[in-house]
């Protein structure tokens, strides 16, 4: 890809994100979402492979439909209330339309079908952008309107996402698809608590981005796209693979790693809201995700591939692990002791 075109796409991406995050008017938020969509499409299709072109078309169609729903929702709300302020969304039909649109943009089940396919058709770096940066604008809109959205609908979407994200990730062999279903499952945890404690959703979102970025950067360093490749990657970077295992277990939410913090706090908040049954269901559904994270960790560090003949193993790569990967991986593992400080700010 031309470096100038790549620079323009990345700058437009961050411009669109900034516009949506900082706006209070529906039209400005919608404009930011559109800039975002148009900026990421060249990055998805830059390899010119048929799979990448297919992924970019799928992404464009889904995002265009979701943006149209956002615009329709805001116009119908303004028609009834005379308000264009994002926080003044009060009309029930508009709230329903917006919840559907944001679920499509984020990849919440049952509007998740495009997300694993698009991630599978792109490179690891673009998949990282789709899993993290592209979720900032819709998540911001969801947070700003959370007080007026339908609680029951959000809880239903969250439970479906947690179930499907765990269930459909079980038999995957492609690392990008596994991380896509992981993202859907984590979005379920964020959506279930957003109407009761938006600050806790923000904390969960930030920690999810931290851990997912660490995993994607680690996989990108070893160029691991499939589980079979992951089996042989331990010879390239043994230390990075050991930390990748811990980061994956943190993403699964195992104590005493950082990923346990948001799940612990969410279950505590749900219990306070007298939603014990919901808390029990979502905690049981997280066991599905734990299985495929454990499988990834097992493949990354413990399994040796079955070899019927002598072959040359891949040896240490010359490329050093970036400082960013090292810092993010360390934070993904060691942040749990800060829980009391985080809890005090919620």
Protein backbone atom coordinates (compact mmCIF):
# COMPACT_ATOMS: atom_id res chain seq x y z
CA UNK A 1 0.00 0.00 0.00
CA UNK A 2 1.23 3.49 -0.85
CA UNK A 3 2.71 5.08 2.34
CA UNK A 4 0.87 8.38 1.69
CA UNK A 5 -2.47 6.59 1.23
CA UNK A 6 -1.80 4.58 4.40
CA UNK A 7 -0.99 7.77 6.34
CA UNK A 8 -4.16 9.49 5.10
CA UNK A 9 -6.27 6.43 6.04
CA UNK A 10 -4.79 6.25 9.56
CA UNK A 11 -5.17 10.02 10.13
CA UNK A 12 -8.79 9.87 8.91
CA UNK A 13 -9.39 6.91 11.22
CA UNK A 14 -8.22 8.83 14.29
CA UNK A 15 -10.00 12.01 13.10
CA UNK A 16 -13.33 10.16 12.77
CA UNK A 17 -12.87 8.54 16.19
CA UNK A 18 -12.05 11.92 17.80
CA UNK A 19 -15.05 13.65 16.16
CA UNK A 20 -17.51 11.00 17.40
CA UNK A 21 -16.05 10.81 20.91
CA UNK A 22 -16.03 14.61 21.40
CA UNK A 23 -19.41 15.46 19.83
CA UNK A 24 -22.76 16.06 21.53
CA UNK A 25 -24.76 16.51 18.32
CA UNK A 26 -26.12 13.48 16.48
CA UNK A 27 -25.08 14.70 13.01
CA UNK A 28 -21.46 15.24 14.11
CA UNK A 29 -21.36 11.79 15.75
CA UNK A 30 -22.75 10.22 12.57
CA UNK A 31 -20.17 12.12 10.47
CA UNK A 32 -17.35 10.73 12.63
CA UNK A 33 -18.72 7.18 12.23
CA UNK A 34 -18.83 7.59 8.43
CA UNK A 35 -15.26 8.93 8.27
CA UNK A 36 -14.17 5.94 10.36
CA UNK A 37 -15.88 3.45 8.05
CA UNK A 38 -14.43 4.98 4.88
CA UNK A 39 -10.93 5.22 6.40
CA UNK A 40 -10.66 1.57 7.47
CA UNK A 41 -11.88 0.04 4.16
CA UNK A 42 -8.58 0.67 2.24
CA UNK A 43 -6.68 -0.89 5.17
CA UNK A 44 -8.90 -4.01 5.08
CA UNK A 45 -8.57 -4.49 1.30
CA UNK A 46 -4.91 -3.45 0.92
CA UNK A 47 -3.66 -6.99 0.15
CA UNK A 48 -5.97 -7.19 -2.94
CA UNK A 49 -6.64 -10.84 -2.09
CA UNK A 50 -10.23 -11.96 -2.92
CA UNK A 51 -10.77 -12.77 0.78
CA UNK A 52 -9.73 -9.22 1.76
CA UNK A 53 -11.98 -7.64 -0.88
CA UNK A 54 -14.89 -9.82 0.33
CA UNK A 55 -14.18 -8.74 3.93
CA UNK A 56 -14.14 -5.03 2.99
CA UNK A 57 -17.46 -5.33 1.11
CA UNK A 58 -19.08 -7.15 4.04
CA UNK A 59 -17.74 -4.53 6.43
CA UNK A 60 -18.96 -1.65 4.26
CA UNK A 61 -22.50 -3.06 3.87
CA UNK A 62 -22.94 -3.77 7.60
CA UNK A 63 -21.50 -0.41 8.72
CA UNK A 64 -23.52 1.53 6.12
CA UNK A 65 -26.73 -0.16 7.34
CA UNK A 66 -25.84 0.57 10.99
CA UNK A 67 -25.01 4.23 10.18
CA UNK A 68 -28.34 4.63 8.37
CA UNK A 69 -30.12 3.25 11.46
CA UNK A 70 -28.21 5.69 13.73
CA UNK A 71 -29.26 8.60 11.50
CA UNK A 72 -32.87 7.38 11.32
CA UNK A 73 -32.95 6.94 15.10
CA UNK A 74 -31.63 10.46 15.75
CA UNK A 75 -33.99 12.06 13.19
CA UNK A 76 -37.07 10.27 14.60
CA UNK A 77 -36.07 11.35 18.13
CA UNK A 78 -35.55 14.96 16.99
CA UNK A 79 -38.93 14.84 15.20
CA UNK A 80 -40.72 13.94 18.44
CA UNK A 81 -38.66 15.81 21.08
CA UNK A 82 -37.00 18.61 19.07
CA UNK A 83 -33.62 17.62 20.58
CA UNK A 84 -30.43 16.82 18.62
CA UNK A 85 -28.37 16.28 21.77
CA UNK A 86 -27.07 12.69 22.09
CA UNK A 87 -27.88 12.53 25.81
CA UNK A 88 -31.52 13.55 25.17
CA UNK A 89 -32.55 10.33 23.43
CA UNK A 90 -35.92 9.59 25.01
CA UNK A 91 -38.27 8.27 22.31
CA UNK A 92 -38.74 4.46 22.78
CA UNK A 93 -38.61 3.60 19.05
CA UNK A 94 -35.44 5.70 18.63
CA UNK A 95 -33.83 3.93 21.61
CA UNK A 96 -34.66 0.53 20.09
CA UNK A 97 -33.25 1.53 16.69
CA UNK A 98 -30.08 2.95 18.25
CA UNK A 99 -29.48 -0.20 20.34
CA UNK A 100 -29.79 -2.30 17.15
CA UNK A 101 -27.46 0.02 15.20
CA UNK A 102 -24.77 0.09 17.91
CA UNK A 103 -25.02 -3.71 18.33
CA UNK A 104 -24.37 -4.03 14.58
CA UNK A 105 -21.41 -1.64 14.73
CA UNK A 106 -19.84 -3.35 17.75
CA UNK A 107 -20.57 -6.92 16.66
CA UNK A 108 -22.88 -7.81 19.56
CA UNK A 109 -24.86 -11.02 19.01
CA UNK A 110 -27.19 -11.63 17.19
CA UNK A 111 -25.66 -9.00 14.82
CA UNK A 112 -22.18 -10.50 15.07
CA UNK A 113 -21.98 -12.63 11.91
CA UNK A 114 -19.87 -10.14 9.93
CA UNK A 115 -17.16 -9.68 12.57
CA UNK A 116 -15.28 -13.05 12.52
CA UNK A 117 -15.42 -13.15 8.69
CA UNK A 118 -14.03 -9.62 8.31
CA UNK A 119 -11.24 -10.28 10.82
CA UNK A 120 -10.33 -13.51 9.03
CA UNK A 121 -9.99 -11.63 5.72
CA UNK A 122 -7.54 -9.00 7.01
CA UNK A 123 -3.99 -8.83 8.33
CA UNK A 124 -3.29 -9.05 12.08
CA UNK A 125 -2.59 -5.29 12.38
CA UNK A 126 -5.87 -4.33 10.66
CA UNK A 127 -7.68 -6.94 12.77
CA UNK A 128 -6.20 -5.21 15.84
CA UNK A 129 -7.61 -1.85 14.67
CA UNK A 130 -11.03 -3.42 14.03
CA UNK A 131 -11.06 -5.05 17.48
CA UNK A 132 -9.95 -1.96 19.44
CA UNK A 133 -9.92 1.51 17.82
CA UNK A 134 -13.07 0.92 15.73
CA UNK A 135 -15.04 0.06 18.88
CA UNK A 136 -14.33 3.42 20.57
CA UNK A 137 -16.96 5.57 18.71
CA UNK A 138 -19.96 3.17 19.02
CA UNK A 139 -19.05 2.39 22.64
CA UNK A 140 -18.93 6.15 23.41
CA UNK A 141 -22.43 6.64 21.91
CA UNK A 142 -23.70 3.63 23.89
CA UNK A 143 -22.26 5.09 27.12
CA UNK A 144 -23.78 8.55 26.46
CA UNK A 145 -27.25 7.09 25.84
CA UNK A 146 -27.09 4.22 28.38
CA UNK A 147 -29.48 5.91 30.86
CA UNK A 148 -32.35 5.82 28.35
CA UNK A 149 -31.83 2.41 26.70
CA UNK A 150 -33.94 -0.67 27.36
CA UNK A 151 -32.32 -2.66 30.21
CA UNK A 152 -33.99 -5.97 29.33
CA UNK A 153 -32.91 -5.78 25.69
CA UNK A 154 -29.30 -4.98 26.62
CA UNK A 155 -29.14 -7.84 29.15
CA UNK A 156 -30.61 -10.24 26.55
CA UNK A 157 -28.06 -9.12 23.91
CA UNK A 158 -25.27 -9.46 26.49
CA UNK A 159 -26.20 -13.01 27.49
CA UNK A 160 -26.57 -14.09 23.83
CA UNK A 161 -23.17 -12.53 23.04
CA UNK A 162 -21.46 -14.25 25.98
CA UNK A 163 -23.03 -17.59 24.98
CA UNK A 164 -22.32 -17.40 21.23
CA UNK A 165 -18.88 -15.85 21.71
CA UNK A 166 -17.85 -18.80 23.88
CA UNK A 167 -19.72 -21.52 22.01
CA UNK A 168 -18.66 -20.61 18.46
CA UNK A 169 -15.02 -20.10 19.45
CA UNK A 170 -14.65 -23.70 20.64
CA UNK A 171 -13.94 -25.41 17.30
CA UNK A 172 -11.97 -22.61 15.58
CA UNK A 173 -8.43 -23.19 14.32
CA UNK A 174 -7.69 -19.65 13.06
CA UNK A 175 -6.31 -17.27 15.70
CA UNK A 176 -8.08 -14.20 14.23
CA UNK A 177 -11.47 -15.93 14.38
CA UNK A 178 -10.83 -17.07 17.95
CA UNK A 179 -10.01 -13.47 18.96
CA UNK A 180 -13.13 -12.25 17.11
CA UNK A 181 -15.36 -14.56 19.16
CA UNK A 182 -13.41 -13.52 22.26
CA UNK A 183 -14.29 -9.90 21.43
CA UNK A 184 -18.00 -10.77 21.06
CA UNK A 185 -17.94 -12.51 24.44
CA UNK A 186 -16.23 -9.54 26.15
CA UNK A 187 -18.75 -7.13 24.61
CA UNK A 188 -21.46 -9.17 26.32
CA UNK A 189 -19.80 -8.50 29.70
CA UNK A 190 -19.66 -4.75 28.92
CA UNK A 191 -23.27 -4.53 27.69
CA UNK A 192 -24.74 -6.35 30.70
CA UNK A 193 -23.55 -3.73 33.21
CA UNK A 194 -23.71 -0.52 31.14
CA UNK A 195 -27.12 0.65 32.39
CA UNK A 196 -26.23 0.02 36.04
CA UNK A 197 -22.62 1.20 36.23
CA UNK A 198 -21.24 2.89 33.06
CA UNK A 199 -17.86 3.55 34.72
CA UNK A 200 -17.40 -0.19 35.21
CA UNK A 201 -18.11 -0.67 31.48
CA UNK A 202 -15.36 1.86 30.69
CA UNK A 203 -12.91 0.02 32.97
CA UNK A 204 -13.79 -3.34 31.34
CA UNK A 205 -13.43 -1.80 27.87
CA UNK A 206 -10.00 -0.32 28.60
CA UNK A 207 -8.70 -3.57 30.09
CA UNK A 208 -10.11 -5.54 27.13
CA UNK A 209 -8.27 -3.20 24.71
CA UNK A 210 -5.05 -3.53 26.74
CA UNK A 211 -5.12 -7.35 26.75
CA UNK A 212 -6.32 -7.74 23.14
CA UNK A 213 -3.62 -5.37 21.86
CA UNK A 214 -0.96 -7.35 23.75
CA UNK A 215 -2.20 -10.64 22.24
CA UNK A 216 -2.43 -9.27 18.67
CA UNK A 217 1.05 -7.70 18.85
CA UNK A 218 2.52 -10.94 20.22
CA UNK A 219 0.89 -12.97 17.42
CA UNK A 220 2.06 -10.42 14.85
CA UNK A 221 5.67 -10.71 16.08
CA UNK A 222 5.68 -14.48 15.48
CA UNK A 223 3.36 -14.24 12.40
CA UNK A 224 0.97 -16.77 13.92
CA UNK A 225 -2.32 -17.12 12.00
CA UNK A 226 -3.30 -20.72 12.79
CA UNK A 227 -3.07 -23.03 15.79
CA UNK A 228 -0.76 -25.36 13.84
CA UNK A 229 1.66 -22.43 13.35
CA UNK A 230 1.37 -21.58 17.04
CA UNK A 231 2.73 -25.03 17.92
CA UNK A 232 6.07 -24.24 16.29
CA UNK A 233 6.33 -20.58 17.35
CA UNK A 234 7.83 -21.39 20.78
CA UNK A 235 11.24 -21.91 19.16
CA UNK A 236 11.18 -18.38 17.69
CA UNK A 237 10.52 -16.37 20.85
CA UNK A 238 10.32 -18.59 23.96
CA UNK A 239 9.97 -15.72 26.43
CA UNK A 240 7.28 -13.92 24.40
CA UNK A 241 5.34 -17.18 24.08
CA UNK A 242 5.45 -17.70 27.85
CA UNK A 243 4.04 -14.21 28.40
CA UNK A 244 1.49 -14.77 25.62
CA UNK A 245 0.18 -17.75 27.58
CA UNK A 246 -0.27 -15.57 30.69
CA UNK A 247 -1.94 -12.80 28.66
CA UNK A 248 -4.40 -15.30 27.16
CA UNK A 249 -5.24 -16.62 30.64
CA UNK A 250 -5.71 -12.99 31.76
CA UNK A 251 -8.11 -12.48 28.84
CA UNK A 252 -9.98 -15.55 30.09
CA UNK A 253 -10.37 -13.88 33.50
CA UNK A 254 -8.32 -16.24 35.67
CA UNK A 255 -7.06 -14.90 39.02
CA UNK A 256 -4.51 -13.60 39.99
CA UNK A 257 -4.19 -11.94 36.53
CA UNK A 258 -5.53 -8.50 35.53
CA UNK A 259 -8.45 -9.89 33.46
CA UNK A 260 -10.09 -11.22 36.64
CA UNK A 261 -10.68 -7.65 37.91
CA UNK A 262 -13.55 -6.53 35.56
CA UNK A 263 -15.39 -9.87 35.78
CA UNK A 264 -15.17 -9.86 39.55
CA UNK A 265 -16.49 -6.28 39.80
CA UNK A 266 -19.27 -6.92 37.23
CA UNK A 267 -20.50 -10.00 39.11
CA UNK A 268 -20.41 -8.02 42.36
CA UNK A 269 -22.44 -5.16 40.80
CA UNK A 270 -25.00 -7.57 39.29
CA UNK A 271 -25.44 -9.19 42.72
CA UNK A 272 -25.98 -5.74 44.28
CA UNK A 273 -28.69 -5.07 41.66
CA UNK A 274 -30.42 -8.31 42.74
CA UNK A 275 -29.63 -10.01 39.41
CA UNK A 276 -28.11 -13.12 40.95
CA UNK A 277 -29.52 -15.45 38.29
CA UNK A 278 -28.08 -13.29 35.47
CA UNK A 279 -24.70 -13.14 37.26
CA UNK A 280 -24.70 -16.96 37.62
CA UNK A 281 -25.59 -17.49 33.94
CA UNK A 282 -22.91 -15.15 32.57
CA UNK A 283 -20.25 -16.53 34.92
CA UNK A 284 -21.08 -20.08 33.74
CA UNK A 285 -20.94 -18.93 30.09
CA UNK A 286 -17.44 -17.53 30.68
CA UNK A 287 -16.28 -21.15 31.18
CA UNK A 288 -16.82 -21.71 27.44
CA UNK A 289 -14.38 -18.90 26.70
CA UNK A 290 -11.96 -20.24 29.30
CA UNK A 291 -11.78 -23.54 27.38
CA UNK A 292 -10.55 -22.02 24.12
CA UNK A 293 -8.17 -19.62 25.90
CA UNK A 294 -6.67 -22.61 27.70
CA UNK A 295 -6.42 -24.41 24.36
CA UNK A 296 -4.58 -21.42 22.84
CA UNK A 297 -2.25 -21.24 25.85
CA UNK A 298 -1.64 -25.00 25.63
CA UNK A 299 -0.82 -24.81 21.92
CA UNK A 300 1.45 -21.79 22.45
CA UNK A 301 3.67 -23.23 25.16
CA UNK A 302 3.17 -26.93 25.86
CA UNK A 303 2.29 -28.82 22.65
CA UNK A 304 4.86 -30.12 20.21
CA UNK A 305 3.61 -30.80 16.66
CA UNK A 306 3.47 -34.47 15.55
CA UNK A 307 6.42 -35.01 13.21
CA UNK A 308 6.70 -38.18 11.13
CA UNK A 309 10.03 -37.18 9.57
CA UNK A 310 13.08 -35.12 10.45
CA UNK A 311 12.68 -31.44 9.72
CA UNK A 312 14.36 -28.18 10.52
CA UNK A 313 12.71 -26.27 13.35
CA UNK A 314 12.23 -22.51 13.14
CA UNK A 315 14.85 -20.86 15.28
CA UNK A 316 14.97 -17.53 17.09
CA UNK A 317 13.94 -14.66 14.88
CA UNK A 318 16.19 -11.64 14.50
CA UNK A 319 13.36 -9.21 15.04
CA UNK A 320 13.29 -8.07 18.67
CA UNK A 321 10.03 -7.76 20.58
CA UNK A 322 8.88 -4.14 20.63
CA UNK A 323 8.84 -2.20 23.88
CA UNK A 324 5.09 -1.58 23.45
CA UNK A 325 4.36 -5.32 23.32
CA UNK A 326 6.48 -5.90 26.43
CA UNK A 327 4.76 -3.09 28.39
CA UNK A 328 1.22 -4.10 27.37
CA UNK A 329 1.87 -7.77 28.12
CA UNK A 330 3.26 -6.91 31.57
CA UNK A 331 0.26 -4.67 32.37
CA UNK A 332 -2.17 -7.37 31.17
CA UNK A 333 -0.76 -9.72 33.80
CA UNK A 334 0.00 -7.53 36.82
CA UNK A 335 -2.84 -4.99 37.25
CA UNK A 336 -5.02 -7.00 39.66
CA UNK A 337 -3.48 -5.49 42.88
CA UNK A 338 -4.83 -2.08 41.74
CA UNK A 339 -8.43 -3.33 42.10
CA UNK A 340 -9.12 -1.47 45.42
CA UNK A 341 -8.01 1.83 43.83
CA UNK A 342 -10.15 1.16 40.71
CA UNK A 343 -13.11 0.17 42.89
CA UNK A 344 -12.83 3.43 44.84
CA UNK A 345 -13.28 5.46 41.62
CA UNK A 346 -16.39 3.57 40.49
